[in-house]
Amino acid sequence: MDKVSLPLPAIRCLSKEEAAQYLGIGVTLLTELEIPYIKLGRRCLYDRVDLDAWIEEYKQGEHGRAKKEATWPKPKKESTGDKILASGGLQQRSQTAKEYAKALGLKTGKMPKHC
């Protein structure tokens, strides 16, 4: 009889570099994201099933697309008086800083502006 060769099954466990390539990210980011892995000796292996599950969980969590579609809540009239005040501009220097410098015996003349 003729031997029929069957194709090899897809590799399920990936190295760190292969897992990063599979997700389309860098190895450093893969490490920072704390994606689950299997430790065999010194090697870290990533299971494709775990990677796919992690992606689905990530999409549903606070970082994924699902949360980006939420809109900002509208302010209540009683809390803002129906006006939202602008922020920024000149800010007064803390009087505490002047008093502290005086207590230390430092000059309390004009101080350089904050950048």
PDB file of N, CA and C in Angstrom:
ATOM      1  N   MET A   1       0.826  -1.174   0.000  1.00  0.00           N
ATOM      2  CA  MET A   1       0.000   0.000   0.000  1.00  0.00           C
ATOM      3  C   MET A   1       0.874   1.242   0.000  1.00  0.00           C
ATOM      4  N   ASP A   2       0.292   2.293  -0.593  1.00  0.00           N
ATOM      5  CA  ASP A   2       0.997   3.570  -0.630  1.00  0.00           C
ATOM      6  C   ASP A   2       0.770   4.316   0.678  1.00  0.00           C
ATOM      7  N   LYS A   3       1.838   4.873   1.188  1.00  0.00           N
ATOM      8  CA  LYS A   3       1.721   5.663   2.416  1.00  0.00           C
ATOM      9  C   LYS A   3       1.276   7.078   2.053  1.00  0.00           C
ATOM     10  N   VAL A   4       0.217   7.510   2.694  1.00  0.00           N
ATOM     11  CA  VAL A   4      -0.286   8.858   2.480  1.00  0.00           C
ATOM     12  C   VAL A   4       0.224   9.719   3.626  1.00  0.00           C
ATOM     13  N   SER A   5       0.942  10.766   3.257  1.00  0.00           N
ATOM     14  CA  SER A   5       1.461  11.626   4.328  1.00  0.00           C
ATOM     15  C   SER A   5       0.434  12.717   4.633  1.00  0.00           C
ATOM     16  N   LEU A   6       0.135  12.823   5.893  1.00  0.00           N
ATOM     17  CA  LEU A   6      -0.816  13.825   6.347  1.00  0.00           C
ATOM     18  C   LEU A   6      -0.075  15.103   6.724  1.00  0.00           C
ATOM     19  N   PRO A   7      -0.714  16.251   6.526  1.00  0.00           N
ATOM     20  CA  PRO A   7      -0.029  17.487   6.923  1.00  0.00           C
ATOM     21  C   PRO A   7       0.096  17.560   8.440  1.00  0.00           C
ATOM     22  N   LEU A   8       1.166  18.157   8.873  1.00  0.00           N
ATOM     23  CA  LEU A   8       1.387  18.318  10.309  1.00  0.00           C
ATOM     24  C   LEU A   8       0.390  19.318  10.873  1.00  0.00           C
ATOM     25  N   PRO A   9      -0.054  19.105  12.107  1.00  0.00           N
ATOM     26  CA  PRO A   9      -0.974  20.078  12.706  1.00  0.00           C
ATOM     27  C   PRO A   9      -0.255  21.403  12.961  1.00  0.00           C
ATOM     28  N   ALA A  10      -1.023  22.466  13.027  1.00  0.00           N
ATOM     29  CA  ALA A  10      -0.442  23.786  13.296  1.00  0.00           C
ATOM     30  C   ALA A  10       0.197  23.786  14.678  1.00  0.00           C
ATOM     31  N   ILE A  11       1.287  24.468  14.785  1.00  0.00           N
ATOM     32  CA  ILE A  11       1.985  24.554  16.069  1.00  0.00           C
ATOM     33  C   ILE A  11       1.134  25.382  17.022  1.00  0.00           C
ATOM     34  N   ARG A  12       0.864  24.842  18.200  1.00  0.00           N
ATOM     35  CA  ARG A  12      -0.012  25.515  19.152  1.00  0.00           C
ATOM     36  C   ARG A  12       0.753  26.447  20.074  1.00  0.00           C
ATOM     37  N   CYS A  13       1.929  26.050  20.512  1.00  0.00           N
ATOM     38  CA  CYS A  13       2.719  26.877  21.421  1.00  0.00           C
ATOM     39  C   CYS A  13       3.740  27.687  20.634  1.00  0.00           C
ATOM     40  N   LEU A  14       3.825  28.955  20.969  1.00  0.00           N
ATOM     41  CA  LEU A  14       4.702  29.875  20.256  1.00  0.00           C
ATOM     42  C   LEU A  14       5.765  30.430  21.193  1.00  0.00           C
ATOM     43  N   SER A  15       6.920  30.746  20.624  1.00  0.00           N
ATOM     44  CA  SER A  15       7.966  31.402  21.403  1.00  0.00           C
ATOM     45  C   SER A  15       7.546  32.856  21.632  1.00  0.00           C
ATOM     46  N   LYS A  16       8.320  33.575  22.437  1.00  0.00           N
ATOM     47  CA  LYS A  16       8.008  34.966  22.724  1.00  0.00           C
ATOM     48  C   LYS A  16       7.983  35.800  21.445  1.00  0.00           C
ATOM     49  N   GLU A  17       8.959  35.588  20.575  1.00  0.00           N
ATOM     50  CA  GLU A  17       9.032  36.327  19.323  1.00  0.00           C
ATOM     51  C   GLU A  17       7.862  35.976  18.403  1.00  0.00           C
ATOM     52  N   GLU A  18       7.522  34.686  18.326  1.00  0.00           N
ATOM     53  CA  GLU A  18       6.407  34.248  17.484  1.00  0.00           C
ATOM     54  C   GLU A  18       5.072  34.771  18.012  1.00  0.00           C
ATOM     55  N   ALA A  19       4.904  34.783  19.335  1.00  0.00           N
ATOM     56  CA  ALA A  19       3.669  35.292  19.938  1.00  0.00           C
ATOM     57  C   ALA A  19       3.515  36.787  19.666  1.00  0.00           C
ATOM     58  N   ALA A  20       4.615  37.518  19.776  1.00  0.00           N
ATOM     59  CA  ALA A  20       4.572  38.953  19.489  1.00  0.00           C
ATOM     60  C   ALA A  20       4.198  39.188  18.029  1.00  0.00           C
ATOM     61  N   GLN A  21       4.770  38.405  17.146  1.00  0.00           N
ATOM     62  CA  GLN A  21       4.452  38.516  15.715  1.00  0.00           C
ATOM     63  C   GLN A  21       2.992  38.130  15.467  1.00  0.00           C
ATOM     64  N   TYR A  22       2.499  37.108  16.142  1.00  0.00           N
ATOM     65  CA  TYR A  22       1.119  36.653  16.014  1.00  0.00           C
ATOM     66  C   TYR A  22       0.143  37.762  16.405  1.00  0.00           C
ATOM     67  N   LEU A  23       0.489  38.519  17.473  1.00  0.00           N
ATOM     68  CA  LEU A  23      -0.364  39.613  17.933  1.00  0.00           C
ATOM     69  C   LEU A  23      -0.101  40.918  17.190  1.00  0.00           C
ATOM     70  N   GLY A  24       1.015  40.966  16.465  1.00  0.00           N
ATOM     71  CA  GLY A  24       1.355  42.175  15.721  1.00  0.00           C
ATOM     72  C   GLY A  24       1.931  43.271  16.602  1.00  0.00           C
ATOM     73  N   ILE A  25       2.639  42.872  17.672  1.00  0.00           N
ATOM     74  CA  ILE A  25       3.246  43.834  18.594  1.00  0.00           C
ATOM     75  C   ILE A  25       4.712  43.463  18.799  1.00  0.00           C
ATOM     76  N   GLY A  26       5.431  44.295  19.515  1.00  0.00           N
ATOM     77  CA  GLY A  26       6.826  44.021  19.826  1.00  0.00           C
ATOM     78  C   GLY A  26       6.966  43.106  21.036  1.00  0.00           C
ATOM     79  N   VAL A  27       8.138  42.521  21.176  1.00  0.00           N
ATOM     80  CA  VAL A  27       8.408  41.597  22.279  1.00  0.00           C
ATOM     81  C   VAL A  27       8.338  42.325  23.625  1.00  0.00           C
ATOM     82  N   THR A  28       8.830  43.560  23.667  1.00  0.00           N
ATOM     83  CA  THR A  28       8.813  44.328  24.912  1.00  0.00           C
ATOM     84  C   THR A  28       7.380  44.576  25.370  1.00  0.00           C
ATOM     85  N   LEU A  29       6.517  44.975  24.447  1.00  0.00           N
ATOM     86  CA  LEU A  29       5.120  45.216  24.801  1.00  0.00           C
ATOM     87  C   LEU A  29       4.441  43.918  25.228  1.00  0.00           C
ATOM     88  N   LEU A  30       4.770  42.825  24.577  1.00  0.00           N
ATOM     89  CA  LEU A  30       4.208  41.523  24.947  1.00  0.00           C
ATOM     90  C   LEU A  30       4.536  41.214  26.412  1.00  0.00           C
ATOM     91  N   THR A  31       5.751  41.488  26.824  1.00  0.00           N
ATOM     92  CA  THR A  31       6.179  41.247  28.202  1.00  0.00           C
ATOM     93  C   THR A  31       5.457  42.181  29.171  1.00  0.00           C
ATOM     94  N   GLU A  32       5.301  43.457  28.796  1.00  0.00           N
ATOM     95  CA  GLU A  32       4.656  44.441  29.667  1.00  0.00           C
ATOM     96  C   GLU A  32       3.173  44.156  29.860  1.00  0.00           C
ATOM     97  N   LEU A  33       2.515  43.563  28.872  1.00  0.00           N
ATOM     98  CA  LEU A  33       1.075  43.319  28.950  1.00  0.00           C
ATOM     99  C   LEU A  33       0.716  42.157  29.859  1.00  0.00           C
ATOM    100  N   GLU A  34       1.691  41.425  30.325  1.00  0.00           N
ATOM    101  CA  GLU A  34       1.471  40.299  31.245  1.00  0.00           C
ATOM    102  C   GLU A  34       0.469  39.288  30.692  1.00  0.00           C
ATOM    103  N   ILE A  35       0.680  38.907  29.457  1.00  0.00           N
ATOM    104  CA  ILE A  35      -0.159  37.898  28.812  1.00  0.00           C
ATOM    105  C   ILE A  35       0.246  36.540  29.367  1.00  0.00           C
ATOM    106  N   PRO A  36      -0.713  35.659  29.661  1.00  0.00           N
ATOM    107  CA  PRO A  36      -0.374  34.359  30.252  1.00  0.00           C
ATOM    108  C   PRO A  36       0.534  33.521  29.353  1.00  0.00           C
ATOM    109  N   TYR A  37       1.489  32.846  29.986  1.00  0.00           N
ATOM    110  CA  TYR A  37       2.420  31.978  29.262  1.00  0.00           C
ATOM    111  C   TYR A  37       2.712  30.742  30.086  1.00  0.00           C
ATOM    112  N   ILE A  38       3.352  29.785  29.434  1.00  0.00           N
ATOM    113  CA  ILE A  38       3.751  28.533  30.082  1.00  0.00           C
ATOM    114  C   ILE A  38       5.269  28.557  30.179  1.00  0.00           C
ATOM    115  N   LYS A  39       5.791  28.272  31.347  1.00  0.00           N
ATOM    116  CA  LYS A  39       7.245  28.284  31.542  1.00  0.00           C
ATOM    117  C   LYS A  39       7.756  26.844  31.486  1.00  0.00           C
ATOM    118  N   LEU A  40       8.625  26.570  30.531  1.00  0.00           N
ATOM    119  CA  LEU A  40       9.287  25.263  30.413  1.00  0.00           C
ATOM    120  C   LEU A  40      10.784  25.507  30.496  1.00  0.00           C
ATOM    121  N   GLY A  41      11.344  25.209  31.642  1.00  0.00           N
ATOM    122  CA  GLY A  41      12.761  25.509  31.839  1.00  0.00           C
ATOM    123  C   GLY A  41      12.942  27.010  31.829  1.00  0.00           C
ATOM    124  N   ARG A  42      13.791  27.491  30.931  1.00  0.00           N
ATOM    125  CA  ARG A  42      13.996  28.929  30.793  1.00  0.00           C
ATOM    126  C   ARG A  42      13.103  29.536  29.723  1.00  0.00           C
ATOM    127  N   ARG A  43      12.431  28.699  28.979  1.00  0.00           N
ATOM    128  CA  ARG A  43      11.610  29.180  27.857  1.00  0.00           C
ATOM    129  C   ARG A  43      10.207  29.563  28.299  1.00  0.00           C
ATOM    130  N   CYS A  44       9.703  30.620  27.705  1.00  0.00           N
ATOM    131  CA  CYS A  44       8.312  31.039  27.898  1.00  0.00           C
ATOM    132  C   CYS A  44       7.574  30.711  26.609  1.00  0.00           C
ATOM    133  N   LEU A  45       6.555  29.885  26.719  1.00  0.00           N
ATOM    134  CA  LEU A  45       5.760  29.510  25.554  1.00  0.00           C
ATOM    135  C   LEU A  45       4.365  30.086  25.696  1.00  0.00           C
ATOM    136  N   TYR A  46       3.852  30.601  24.592  1.00  0.00           N
ATOM    137  CA  TYR A  46       2.528  31.201  24.559  1.00  0.00           C
ATOM    138  C   TYR A  46       1.604  30.307  23.745  1.00  0.00           C
ATOM    139  N   ASP A  47       0.491  29.913  24.350  1.00  0.00           N
ATOM    140  CA  ASP A  47      -0.498  29.067  23.701  1.00  0.00           C
ATOM    141  C   ASP A  47      -1.396  29.947  22.829  1.00  0.00           C
ATOM    142  N   ARG A  48      -1.608  29.552  21.575  1.00  0.00           N
ATOM    143  CA  ARG A  48      -2.464  30.332  20.669  1.00  0.00           C
ATOM    144  C   ARG A  48      -3.874  30.505  21.244  1.00  0.00           C
ATOM    145  N   VAL A  49      -4.382  29.460  21.890  1.00  0.00           N
ATOM    146  CA  VAL A  49      -5.721  29.522  22.472  1.00  0.00           C
ATOM    147  C   VAL A  49      -5.765  30.604  23.557  1.00  0.00           C
ATOM    148  N   ASP A  50      -4.721  30.672  24.399  1.00  0.00           N
ATOM    149  CA  ASP A  50      -4.649  31.698  25.447  1.00  0.00           C
ATOM    150  C   ASP A  50      -4.525  33.095  24.839  1.00  0.00           C
ATOM    151  N   LEU A  51      -3.752  33.223  23.762  1.00  0.00           N
ATOM    152  CA  LEU A  51      -3.594  34.523  23.108  1.00  0.00           C
ATOM    153  C   LEU A  51      -4.921  35.019  22.541  1.00  0.00           C
ATOM    154  N   ASP A  52      -5.662  34.120  21.895  1.00  0.00           N
ATOM    155  CA  ASP A  52      -6.964  34.497  21.339  1.00  0.00           C
ATOM    156  C   ASP A  52      -7.949  34.879  22.445  1.00  0.00           C
ATOM    157  N   ALA A  53      -7.946  34.115  23.544  1.00  0.00           N
ATOM    158  CA  ALA A  53      -8.829  34.411  24.674  1.00  0.00           C
ATOM    159  C   ALA A  53      -8.454  35.748  25.306  1.00  0.00           C
ATOM    160  N   TRP A  54      -7.149  36.028  25.424  1.00  0.00           N
ATOM    161  CA  TRP A  54      -6.688  37.278  26.006  1.00  0.00           C
ATOM    162  C   TRP A  54      -7.122  38.467  25.148  1.00  0.00           C
ATOM    163  N   ILE A  55      -7.039  38.329  23.835  1.00  0.00           N
ATOM    164  CA  ILE A  55      -7.454  39.413  22.935  1.00  0.00           C
ATOM    165  C   ILE A  55      -8.936  39.717  23.123  1.00  0.00           C
ATOM    166  N   GLU A  56      -9.766  38.676  23.183  1.00  0.00           N
ATOM    167  CA  GLU A  56     -11.203  38.882  23.366  1.00  0.00           C
ATOM    168  C   GLU A  56     -11.498  39.557  24.703  1.00  0.00           C
ATOM    169  N   GLU A  57     -10.805  39.130  25.746  1.00  0.00           N
ATOM    170  CA  GLU A  57     -10.991  39.717  27.072  1.00  0.00           C
ATOM    171  C   GLU A  57     -10.523  41.172  27.086  1.00  0.00           C
ATOM    172  N   TYR A  58      -9.424  41.450  26.416  1.00  0.00           N
ATOM    173  CA  TYR A  58      -8.865  42.805  26.342  1.00  0.00           C
ATOM    174  C   TYR A  58      -9.832  43.745  25.620  1.00  0.00           C
ATOM    175  N   LYS A  59     -10.454  43.255  24.554  1.00  0.00           N
ATOM    176  CA  LYS A  59     -11.401  44.079  23.800  1.00  0.00           C
ATOM    177  C   LYS A  59     -12.623  44.442  24.636  1.00  0.00           C
ATOM    178  N   GLN A  60     -13.034  43.558  25.520  1.00  0.00           N
ATOM    179  CA  GLN A  60     -14.210  43.811  26.352  1.00  0.00           C
ATOM    180  C   GLN A  60     -13.876  44.630  27.595  1.00  0.00           C
ATOM    181  N   GLY A  61     -12.605  44.710  27.967  1.00  0.00           N
ATOM    182  CA  GLY A  61     -12.192  45.414  29.178  1.00  0.00           C
ATOM    183  C   GLY A  61     -12.125  46.910  28.964  1.00  0.00           C
ATOM    184  N   GLU A  62     -11.502  47.605  29.917  1.00  0.00           N
ATOM    185  CA  GLU A  62     -11.443  49.060  29.877  1.00  0.00           C
ATOM    186  C   GLU A  62     -10.550  49.591  28.770  1.00  0.00           C
ATOM    187  N   HIS A  63      -9.673  48.764  28.210  1.00  0.00           N
ATOM    188  CA  HIS A  63      -8.748  49.231  27.182  1.00  0.00           C
ATOM    189  C   HIS A  63      -9.287  49.032  25.773  1.00  0.00           C
ATOM    190  N   GLY A  64     -10.266  48.198  25.629  1.00  0.00           N
ATOM    191  CA  GLY A  64     -10.700  47.808  24.298  1.00  0.00           C
ATOM    192  C   GLY A  64     -11.660  48.777  23.635  1.00  0.00           C
ATOM    193  N   ARG A  65     -12.121  48.392  22.446  1.00  0.00           N
ATOM    194  CA  ARG A  65     -13.010  49.227  21.651  1.00  0.00           C
ATOM    195  C   ARG A  65     -14.344  49.470  22.328  1.00  0.00           C
ATOM    196  N   ALA A  66     -14.830  48.490  23.073  1.00  0.00           N
ATOM    197  CA  ALA A  66     -16.172  48.578  23.643  1.00  0.00           C
ATOM    198  C   ALA A  66     -16.317  49.811  24.531  1.00  0.00           C
ATOM    199  N   LYS A  67     -15.295  50.183  25.276  1.00  0.00           N
ATOM    200  CA  LYS A  67     -15.376  51.324  26.192  1.00  0.00           C
ATOM    201  C   LYS A  67     -15.174  52.655  25.469  1.00  0.00           C
ATOM    202  N   LYS A  68     -14.556  52.663  24.309  1.00  0.00           N
ATOM    203  CA  LYS A  68     -14.260  53.891  23.592  1.00  0.00           C
ATOM    204  C   LYS A  68     -15.520  54.526  23.009  1.00  0.00           C
ATOM    205  N   GLU A  69     -16.592  53.751  22.882  1.00  0.00           N
ATOM    206  CA  GLU A  69     -17.814  54.252  22.279  1.00  0.00           C
ATOM    207  C   GLU A  69     -18.690  55.005  23.266  1.00  0.00           C
ATOM    208  N   ALA A  70     -18.347  54.993  24.542  1.00  0.00           N
ATOM    209  CA  ALA A  70     -19.143  55.683  25.551  1.00  0.00           C
ATOM    210  C   ALA A  70     -19.003  57.192  25.367  1.00  0.00           C
ATOM    211  N   THR A  71     -20.043  57.940  25.657  1.00  0.00           N
ATOM    212  CA  THR A  71     -20.000  59.390  25.527  1.00  0.00           C
ATOM    213  C   THR A  71     -19.823  60.018  26.898  1.00  0.00           C
ATOM    214  N   TRP A  72     -19.348  61.262  26.904  1.00  0.00           N
ATOM    215  CA  TRP A  72     -19.161  61.982  28.156  1.00  0.00           C
ATOM    216  C   TRP A  72     -20.520  62.332  28.734  1.00  0.00           C
ATOM    217  N   PRO A  73     -20.686  62.229  30.039  1.00  0.00           N
ATOM    218  CA  PRO A  73     -21.961  62.632  30.646  1.00  0.00           C
ATOM    219  C   PRO A  73     -22.106  64.151  30.596  1.00  0.00           C
ATOM    220  N   LYS A  74     -23.335  64.620  30.467  1.00  0.00           N
ATOM    221  CA  LYS A  74     -23.585  66.057  30.438  1.00  0.00           C
ATOM    222  C   LYS A  74     -23.608  66.582  31.872  1.00  0.00           C
ATOM    223  N   PRO A  75     -23.005  67.763  32.108  1.00  0.00           N
ATOM    224  CA  PRO A  75     -22.993  68.298  33.475  1.00  0.00           C
ATOM    225  C   PRO A  75     -24.388  68.735  33.911  1.00  0.00           C
ATOM    226  N   LYS A  76     -24.633  68.618  35.206  1.00  0.00           N
ATOM    227  CA  LYS A  76     -25.914  69.044  35.757  1.00  0.00           C
ATOM    228  C   LYS A  76     -25.914  70.556  35.916  1.00  0.00           C
ATOM    229  N   LYS A  77     -27.062  71.179  35.663  1.00  0.00           N
ATOM    230  CA  LYS A  77     -27.158  72.638  35.771  1.00  0.00           C
ATOM    231  C   LYS A  77     -26.849  73.124  37.181  1.00  0.00           C
ATOM    232  N   GLU A  78     -27.339  72.389  38.178  1.00  0.00           N
ATOM    233  CA  GLU A  78     -27.136  72.843  39.548  1.00  0.00           C
ATOM    234  C   GLU A  78     -25.674  72.772  39.986  1.00  0.00           C
ATOM    235  N   SER A  79     -24.882  71.902  39.374  1.00  0.00           N
ATOM    236  CA  SER A  79     -23.481  71.794  39.788  1.00  0.00           C
ATOM    237  C   SER A  79     -22.586  72.793  39.072  1.00  0.00           C
ATOM    238  N   THR A  80     -22.957  73.217  37.867  1.00  0.00           N
ATOM    239  CA  THR A  80     -22.111  74.142  37.108  1.00  0.00           C
ATOM    240  C   THR A  80     -22.745  75.496  36.907  1.00  0.00           C
ATOM    241  N   GLY A  81     -24.011  75.650  37.292  1.00  0.00           N
ATOM    242  CA  GLY A  81     -24.692  76.913  37.044  1.00  0.00           C
ATOM    243  C   GLY A  81     -24.908  77.116  35.554  1.00  0.00           C
ATOM    244  N   ASP A  82     -24.967  76.024  34.804  1.00  0.00           N
ATOM    245  CA  ASP A  82     -25.167  76.021  33.361  1.00  0.00           C
ATOM    246  C   ASP A  82     -23.992  76.644  32.622  1.00  0.00           C
ATOM    247  N   LYS A  83     -22.879  76.858  33.303  1.00  0.00           N
ATOM    248  CA  LYS A  83     -21.675  77.387  32.661  1.00  0.00           C
ATOM    249  C   LYS A  83     -20.506  76.500  33.056  1.00  0.00           C
ATOM    250  N   ILE A  84     -19.638  76.281  32.114  1.00  0.00           N
ATOM    251  CA  ILE A  84     -18.403  75.565  32.408  1.00  0.00           C
ATOM    252  C   ILE A  84     -17.288  76.585  32.284  1.00  0.00           C
ATOM    253  N   LEU A  85     -16.661  76.869  33.388  1.00  0.00           N
ATOM    254  CA  LEU A  85     -15.618  77.876  33.414  1.00  0.00           C
ATOM    255  C   LEU A  85     -14.363  77.384  32.714  1.00  0.00           C
ATOM    256  N   ALA A  86     -13.718  78.311  32.032  1.00  0.00           N
ATOM    257  CA  ALA A  86     -12.471  77.974  31.355  1.00  0.00           C
ATOM    258  C   ALA A  86     -11.369  77.796  32.388  1.00  0.00           C
ATOM    259  N   SER A  87     -10.419  76.969  32.082  1.00  0.00           N
ATOM    260  CA  SER A  87      -9.299  76.778  32.988  1.00  0.00           C
ATOM    261  C   SER A  87      -8.034  77.266  32.306  1.00  0.00           C
ATOM    262  N   GLY A  88      -6.989  77.407  33.068  1.00  0.00           N
ATOM    263  CA  GLY A  88      -5.726  77.845  32.502  1.00  0.00           C
ATOM    264  C   GLY A  88      -5.488  79.306  32.808  1.00  0.00           C
ATOM    265  N   GLY A  89      -4.577  79.917  32.105  1.00  0.00           N
ATOM    266  CA  GLY A  89      -4.270  81.321  32.331  1.00  0.00           C
ATOM    267  C   GLY A  89      -3.274  81.480  33.460  1.00  0.00           C
ATOM    268  N   LEU A  90      -3.243  82.657  34.035  1.00  0.00           N
ATOM    269  CA  LEU A  90      -2.303  82.940  35.111  1.00  0.00           C
ATOM    270  C   LEU A  90      -2.752  82.287  36.407  1.00  0.00           C
ATOM    271  N   GLN A  91      -1.805  81.779  37.110  1.00  0.00           N
ATOM    272  CA  GLN A  91      -2.097  81.179  38.398  1.00  0.00           C
ATOM    273  C   GLN A  91      -1.285  81.901  39.462  1.00  0.00           C
ATOM    274  N   GLN A  92      -1.900  82.122  40.580  1.00  0.00           N
ATOM    275  CA  GLN A  92      -1.218  82.780  41.690  1.00  0.00           C
ATOM    276  C   GLN A  92      -0.196  81.835  42.302  1.00  0.00           C
ATOM    277  N   ARG A  93       0.939  82.383  42.633  1.00  0.00           N
ATOM    278  CA  ARG A  93       1.939  81.582  43.337  1.00  0.00           C
ATOM    279  C   ARG A  93       1.473  81.342  44.761  1.00  0.00           C
ATOM    280  N   SER A  94       1.853  80.225  45.284  1.00  0.00           N
ATOM    281  CA  SER A  94       1.464  79.862  46.637  1.00  0.00           C
ATOM    282  C   SER A  94       2.133  80.789  47.648  1.00  0.00           C
ATOM    283  N   GLN A  95       1.356  81.298  48.576  1.00  0.00           N
ATOM    284  CA  GLN A  95       1.903  82.122  49.645  1.00  0.00           C
ATOM    285  C   GLN A  95       2.760  81.278  50.584  1.00  0.00           C
ATOM    286  N   THR A  96       2.484  79.984  50.617  1.00  0.00           N
ATOM    287  CA  THR A  96       3.244  79.096  51.469  1.00  0.00           C
ATOM    288  C   THR A  96       4.706  79.062  51.044  1.00  0.00           C
ATOM    289  N   ALA A  97       4.959  79.078  49.744  1.00  0.00           N
ATOM    290  CA  ALA A  97       6.328  79.042  49.235  1.00  0.00           C
ATOM    291  C   ALA A  97       7.095  80.274  49.700  1.00  0.00           C
ATOM    292  N   LYS A  98       6.415  81.436  49.677  1.00  0.00           N
ATOM    293  CA  LYS A  98       7.055  82.676  50.120  1.00  0.00           C
ATOM    294  C   LYS A  98       7.392  82.609  51.610  1.00  0.00           C
ATOM    295  N   GLU A  99       6.450  82.133  52.412  1.00  0.00           N
ATOM    296  CA  GLU A  99       6.653  82.004  53.849  1.00  0.00           C
ATOM    297  C   GLU A  99       7.767  81.011  54.170  1.00  0.00           C
ATOM    298  N   TYR A 100       7.824  79.925  53.414  1.00  0.00           N
ATOM    299  CA  TYR A 100       8.851  78.907  53.617  1.00  0.00           C
ATOM    300  C   TYR A 100      10.229  79.493  53.316  1.00  0.00           C
ATOM    301  N   ALA A 101      10.349  80.219  52.209  1.00  0.00           N
ATOM    302  CA  ALA A 101      11.619  80.839  51.838  1.00  0.00           C
ATOM    303  C   ALA A 101      12.041  81.854  52.899  1.00  0.00           C
ATOM    304  N   LYS A 102      11.082  82.601  53.421  1.00  0.00           N
ATOM    305  CA  LYS A 102      11.363  83.595  54.456  1.00  0.00           C
ATOM    306  C   LYS A 102      11.882  82.919  55.722  1.00  0.00           C
ATOM    307  N   ALA A 103      11.271  81.790  56.093  1.00  0.00           N
ATOM    308  CA  ALA A 103      11.688  81.051  57.284  1.00  0.00           C
ATOM    309  C   ALA A 103      13.100  80.494  57.129  1.00  0.00           C
ATOM    310  N   LEU A 104      13.461  80.152  55.912  1.00  0.00           N
ATOM    311  CA  LEU A 104      14.813  79.627  55.657  1.00  0.00           C
ATOM    312  C   LEU A 104      15.845  80.735  55.502  1.00  0.00           C
ATOM    313  N   GLY A 105      15.376  81.980  55.463  1.00  0.00           N
ATOM    314  CA  GLY A 105      16.298  83.101  55.326  1.00  0.00           C
ATOM    315  C   GLY A 105      16.705  83.333  53.890  1.00  0.00           C
ATOM    316  N   LEU A 106      15.905  82.857  52.954  1.00  0.00           N
ATOM    317  CA  LEU A 106      16.204  83.074  51.548  1.00  0.00           C
ATOM    318  C   LEU A 106      15.579  84.370  51.074  1.00  0.00           C
ATOM    319  N   LYS A 107      16.077  84.878  49.969  1.00  0.00           N
ATOM    320  CA  LYS A 107      15.503  86.114  49.415  1.00  0.00           C
ATOM    321  C   LYS A 107      14.102  85.791  48.917  1.00  0.00           C
ATOM    322  N   THR A 108      13.178  86.672  49.180  1.00  0.00           N
ATOM    323  CA  THR A 108      11.785  86.455  48.767  1.00  0.00           C
ATOM    324  C   THR A 108      11.353  87.446  47.705  1.00  0.00           C
ATOM    325  N   GLY A 109      12.320  87.948  46.963  1.00  0.00           N
ATOM    326  CA  GLY A 109      12.003  88.882  45.896  1.00  0.00           C
ATOM    327  C   GLY A 109      11.247  88.176  44.767  1.00  0.00           C
ATOM    328  N   LYS A 110      11.335  88.732  43.612  1.00  0.00           N
ATOM    329  CA  LYS A 110      10.630  88.139  42.474  1.00  0.00           C
ATOM    330  C   LYS A 110      11.220  86.782  42.154  1.00  0.00           C
ATOM    331  N   MET A 111      10.327  85.830  41.997  1.00  0.00           N
ATOM    332  CA  MET A 111      10.743  84.472  41.668  1.00  0.00           C
ATOM    333  C   MET A 111      10.536  84.258  40.186  1.00  0.00           C
ATOM    334  N   PRO A 112      11.349  83.410  39.541  1.00  0.00           N
ATOM    335  CA  PRO A 112      11.163  83.170  38.112  1.00  0.00           C
ATOM    336  C   PRO A 112       9.819  82.476  37.874  1.00  0.00           C
ATOM    337  N   LYS A 113       9.244  82.771  36.709  1.00  0.00           N
ATOM    338  CA  LYS A 113       7.960  82.191  36.361  1.00  0.00           C
ATOM    339  C   LYS A 113       8.112  80.714  36.028  1.00  0.00           C
ATOM    340  N   HIS A 114       7.061  79.959  36.315  1.00  0.00           N
ATOM    341  CA  HIS A 114       7.030  78.546  35.945  1.00  0.00           C
ATOM    342  C   HIS A 114       6.842  78.404  34.450  1.00  0.00           C
ATOM    343  N   CYS A 115       7.476  77.426  33.874  1.00  0.00           N
ATOM    344  CA  CYS A 115       7.290  77.173  32.440  1.00  0.00           C
ATOM    345  C   CYS A 115       6.158  76.213  32.233  1.00  0.00           C
TER     346      CYS A 115
END
